[in-house]
Amino acid sequence: MRWLLVLALAGCHEDAPRSACEPTGTPQPKLLTLARRHRTLVDQHAPNRDIKLVDDELRLGMSVECQPCSWVGDRLTVDEMLPMARLDDATAVTCLGLVLHDGTSVFGSARPAR
């Protein structure tokens, strides 16, 4: 009888904690639109205030996309969040990266190593 209690207690355990932070979001087309808007404003030499507003909206959207991880800080630049050189090949934005037309993903320089 005692061994049944031991077996029952041995079966009661919590799932192991995640060893690394992994975002659970899905690709966001809206964030891709914001990234393209950022590039357009920079190319047009728009006032810094206008660029900053788009950057802040992108940073906020990216921090939501990267939940539960806290990889997106207040000072993270768009270039650190996203590989802007690959923006033309992108179909969506994920946590600190772009999903390309061929289905692969590329990440910005701020993406922590896995």
C-alpha atoms as a PDB file:
ATOM      1  CA  MET A   1       0.000   0.000   0.000  1.00  0.00           C
ATOM      2  CA  ARG A   2       2.807   2.352   0.844  1.00  0.00           C
ATOM      3  CA  TRP A   3       4.358   1.871  -2.616  1.00  0.00           C
ATOM      4  CA  LEU A   4       1.069   3.038  -4.215  1.00  0.00           C
ATOM      5  CA  LEU A   5       1.379   6.295  -2.295  1.00  0.00           C
ATOM      6  CA  VAL A   6       5.012   6.646  -3.405  1.00  0.00           C
ATOM      7  CA  LEU A   7       4.043   6.033  -7.051  1.00  0.00           C
ATOM      8  CA  ALA A   8       1.160   8.475  -6.827  1.00  0.00           C
ATOM      9  CA  LEU A   9       3.406  11.182  -5.377  1.00  0.00           C
ATOM     10  CA  ALA A  10       6.112  10.469  -7.957  1.00  0.00           C
ATOM     11  CA  GLY A  11       3.571  11.072 -10.730  1.00  0.00           C
ATOM     12  CA  CYS A  12       2.736  14.524  -9.350  1.00  0.00           C
ATOM     13  CA  HIS A  13       5.186  17.015 -10.770  1.00  0.00           C
ATOM     14  CA  GLU A  14       5.117  20.326 -12.522  1.00  0.00           C
ATOM     15  CA  ASP A  15       6.287  20.686 -16.085  1.00  0.00           C
ATOM     16  CA  ALA A  16       9.911  21.663 -16.318  1.00  0.00           C
ATOM     17  CA  PRO A  17      10.415  25.406 -16.674  1.00  0.00           C
ATOM     18  CA  ARG A  18      11.457  26.621 -20.095  1.00  0.00           C
ATOM     19  CA  SER A  19      15.202  26.893 -20.356  1.00  0.00           C
ATOM     20  CA  ALA A  20      15.027  29.854 -22.727  1.00  0.00           C
ATOM     21  CA  CYS A  21      12.445  32.485 -23.432  1.00  0.00           C
ATOM     22  CA  GLU A  22      10.482  31.651 -26.570  1.00  0.00           C
ATOM     23  CA  PRO A  23       7.856  34.058 -27.913  1.00  0.00           C
ATOM     24  CA  THR A  24       4.473  32.539 -28.670  1.00  0.00           C
ATOM     25  CA  GLY A  25       3.162  35.144 -31.123  1.00  0.00           C
ATOM     26  CA  THR A  26       2.264  34.772 -34.779  1.00  0.00           C
ATOM     27  CA  PRO A  27       3.519  36.864 -37.714  1.00  0.00           C
ATOM     28  CA  GLN A  28       2.002  40.347 -37.786  1.00  0.00           C
ATOM     29  CA  PRO A  29       1.381  41.993 -41.200  1.00  0.00           C
ATOM     30  CA  LYS A  30       0.681  45.329 -39.461  1.00  0.00           C
ATOM     31  CA  LEU A  31       4.236  45.416 -38.148  1.00  0.00           C
ATOM     32  CA  LEU A  32       5.536  44.890 -41.690  1.00  0.00           C
ATOM     33  CA  THR A  33       3.519  47.927 -42.807  1.00  0.00           C
ATOM     34  CA  LEU A  34       5.073  49.969 -39.991  1.00  0.00           C
ATOM     35  CA  ALA A  35       8.585  48.819 -40.918  1.00  0.00           C
ATOM     36  CA  ARG A  36       7.991  49.847 -44.527  1.00  0.00           C
ATOM     37  CA  ARG A  37       6.584  53.183 -43.361  1.00  0.00           C
ATOM     38  CA  HIS A  38       9.733  53.735 -41.275  1.00  0.00           C
ATOM     39  CA  ARG A  39      11.941  53.130 -44.317  1.00  0.00           C
ATOM     40  CA  THR A  40       9.824  55.451 -46.478  1.00  0.00           C
ATOM     41  CA  LEU A  41      10.029  58.264 -43.912  1.00  0.00           C
ATOM     42  CA  VAL A  42      13.794  57.847 -43.572  1.00  0.00           C
ATOM     43  CA  ASP A  43      14.243  57.811 -47.370  1.00  0.00           C
ATOM     44  CA  GLN A  44      12.124  60.980 -47.686  1.00  0.00           C
ATOM     45  CA  HIS A  45      14.115  62.709 -44.945  1.00  0.00           C
ATOM     46  CA  ALA A  46      10.910  63.262 -42.965  1.00  0.00           C
ATOM     47  CA  PRO A  47      11.074  65.213 -39.709  1.00  0.00           C
ATOM     48  CA  ASN A  48      12.642  63.191 -36.904  1.00  0.00           C
ATOM     49  CA  ARG A  49       9.433  63.523 -34.885  1.00  0.00           C
ATOM     50  CA  ASP A  50       7.443  61.705 -37.580  1.00  0.00           C
ATOM     51  CA  ILE A  51      10.021  58.904 -37.764  1.00  0.00           C
ATOM     52  CA  LYS A  52      10.087  58.594 -33.986  1.00  0.00           C
ATOM     53  CA  LEU A  53       6.300  58.171 -33.825  1.00  0.00           C
ATOM     54  CA  VAL A  54       6.437  55.269 -36.289  1.00  0.00           C
ATOM     55  CA  ASP A  55       9.466  53.802 -34.502  1.00  0.00           C
ATOM     56  CA  ASP A  56       7.672  53.947 -31.146  1.00  0.00           C
ATOM     57  CA  GLU A  57       4.584  52.265 -32.596  1.00  0.00           C
ATOM     58  CA  LEU A  58       6.759  49.567 -34.157  1.00  0.00           C
ATOM     59  CA  ARG A  59       8.686  49.073 -30.896  1.00  0.00           C
ATOM     60  CA  LEU A  60       5.425  48.745 -28.945  1.00  0.00           C
ATOM     61  CA  GLY A  61       3.997  46.263 -31.450  1.00  0.00           C
ATOM     62  CA  MET A  62       7.238  44.296 -31.395  1.00  0.00           C
ATOM     63  CA  SER A  63       7.247  44.112 -27.597  1.00  0.00           C
ATOM     64  CA  VAL A  64       3.703  42.683 -27.712  1.00  0.00           C
ATOM     65  CA  GLU A  65       4.753  40.220 -30.437  1.00  0.00           C
ATOM     66  CA  CYS A  66       7.725  39.060 -28.344  1.00  0.00           C
ATOM     67  CA  GLN A  67       5.704  38.297 -25.206  1.00  0.00           C
ATOM     68  CA  PRO A  68       6.368  36.707 -22.739  1.00  0.00           C
ATOM     69  CA  CYS A  69       9.986  37.656 -23.446  1.00  0.00           C
ATOM     70  CA  SER A  70      11.340  41.085 -22.587  1.00  0.00           C
ATOM     71  CA  TRP A  71      13.776  41.432 -25.472  1.00  0.00           C
ATOM     72  CA  VAL A  72      12.458  44.780 -26.735  1.00  0.00           C
ATOM     73  CA  GLY A  73      13.780  47.650 -24.672  1.00  0.00           C
ATOM     74  CA  ASP A  74      13.029  51.357 -24.796  1.00  0.00           C
ATOM     75  CA  ARG A  75      16.225  52.145 -26.701  1.00  0.00           C
ATOM     76  CA  LEU A  76      16.142  49.312 -29.245  1.00  0.00           C
ATOM     77  CA  THR A  77      16.429  50.718 -32.765  1.00  0.00           C
ATOM     78  CA  VAL A  78      14.471  49.512 -35.783  1.00  0.00           C
ATOM     79  CA  ASP A  79      17.701  48.231 -37.320  1.00  0.00           C
ATOM     80  CA  GLU A  80      18.369  46.146 -34.195  1.00  0.00           C
ATOM     81  CA  MET A  81      14.823  44.763 -34.226  1.00  0.00           C
ATOM     82  CA  LEU A  82      14.607  43.940 -37.919  1.00  0.00           C
ATOM     83  CA  PRO A  83      17.071  43.177 -40.718  1.00  0.00           C
ATOM     84  CA  MET A  84      15.959  46.155 -42.809  1.00  0.00           C
ATOM     85  CA  ALA A  85      18.106  45.093 -45.787  1.00  0.00           C
ATOM     86  CA  ARG A  86      15.734  42.111 -46.276  1.00  0.00           C
ATOM     87  CA  LEU A  87      12.512  44.137 -45.947  1.00  0.00           C
ATOM     88  CA  ASP A  88      11.651  43.858 -49.662  1.00  0.00           C
ATOM     89  CA  ASP A  89      11.684  40.041 -49.394  1.00  0.00           C
ATOM     90  CA  ALA A  90       9.433  39.982 -46.300  1.00  0.00           C
ATOM     91  CA  THR A  91       5.821  38.859 -46.014  1.00  0.00           C
ATOM     92  CA  ALA A  92       5.409  39.423 -42.256  1.00  0.00           C
ATOM     93  CA  VAL A  93       7.178  40.430 -39.075  1.00  0.00           C
ATOM     94  CA  THR A  94       7.748  38.086 -36.140  1.00  0.00           C
ATOM     95  CA  CYS A  95       9.484  38.676 -32.835  1.00  0.00           C
ATOM     96  CA  LEU A  96      12.673  40.537 -33.833  1.00  0.00           C
ATOM     97  CA  GLY A  97      12.631  39.135 -37.338  1.00  0.00           C
ATOM     98  CA  LEU A  98      11.116  38.927 -40.785  1.00  0.00           C
ATOM     99  CA  VAL A  99       9.360  36.039 -42.520  1.00  0.00           C
ATOM    100  CA  LEU A 100      10.547  35.927 -46.134  1.00  0.00           C
ATOM    101  CA  HIS A 101       8.662  34.877 -49.282  1.00  0.00           C
ATOM    102  CA  ASP A 102      10.345  31.454 -49.250  1.00  0.00           C
ATOM    103  CA  GLY A 103       9.091  30.789 -45.698  1.00  0.00           C
ATOM    104  CA  THR A 104      12.432  31.255 -43.955  1.00  0.00           C
ATOM    105  CA  SER A 105      13.001  33.790 -41.199  1.00  0.00           C
ATOM    106  CA  VAL A 106      15.802  36.276 -40.682  1.00  0.00           C
ATOM    107  CA  PHE A 107      16.372  38.104 -37.424  1.00  0.00           C
ATOM    108  CA  GLY A 108      17.636  41.471 -36.295  1.00  0.00           C
ATOM    109  CA  SER A 109      20.859  41.883 -34.378  1.00  0.00           C
ATOM    110  CA  ALA A 110      19.063  42.176 -31.028  1.00  0.00           C
ATOM    111  CA  ARG A 111      17.712  38.602 -31.199  1.00  0.00           C
ATOM    112  CA  PRO A 112      19.194  36.669 -28.278  1.00  0.00           C
ATOM    113  CA  ALA A 113      21.046  33.452 -29.116  1.00  0.00           C
ATOM    114  CA  ARG A 114      19.000  30.307 -28.576  1.00  0.00           C
END
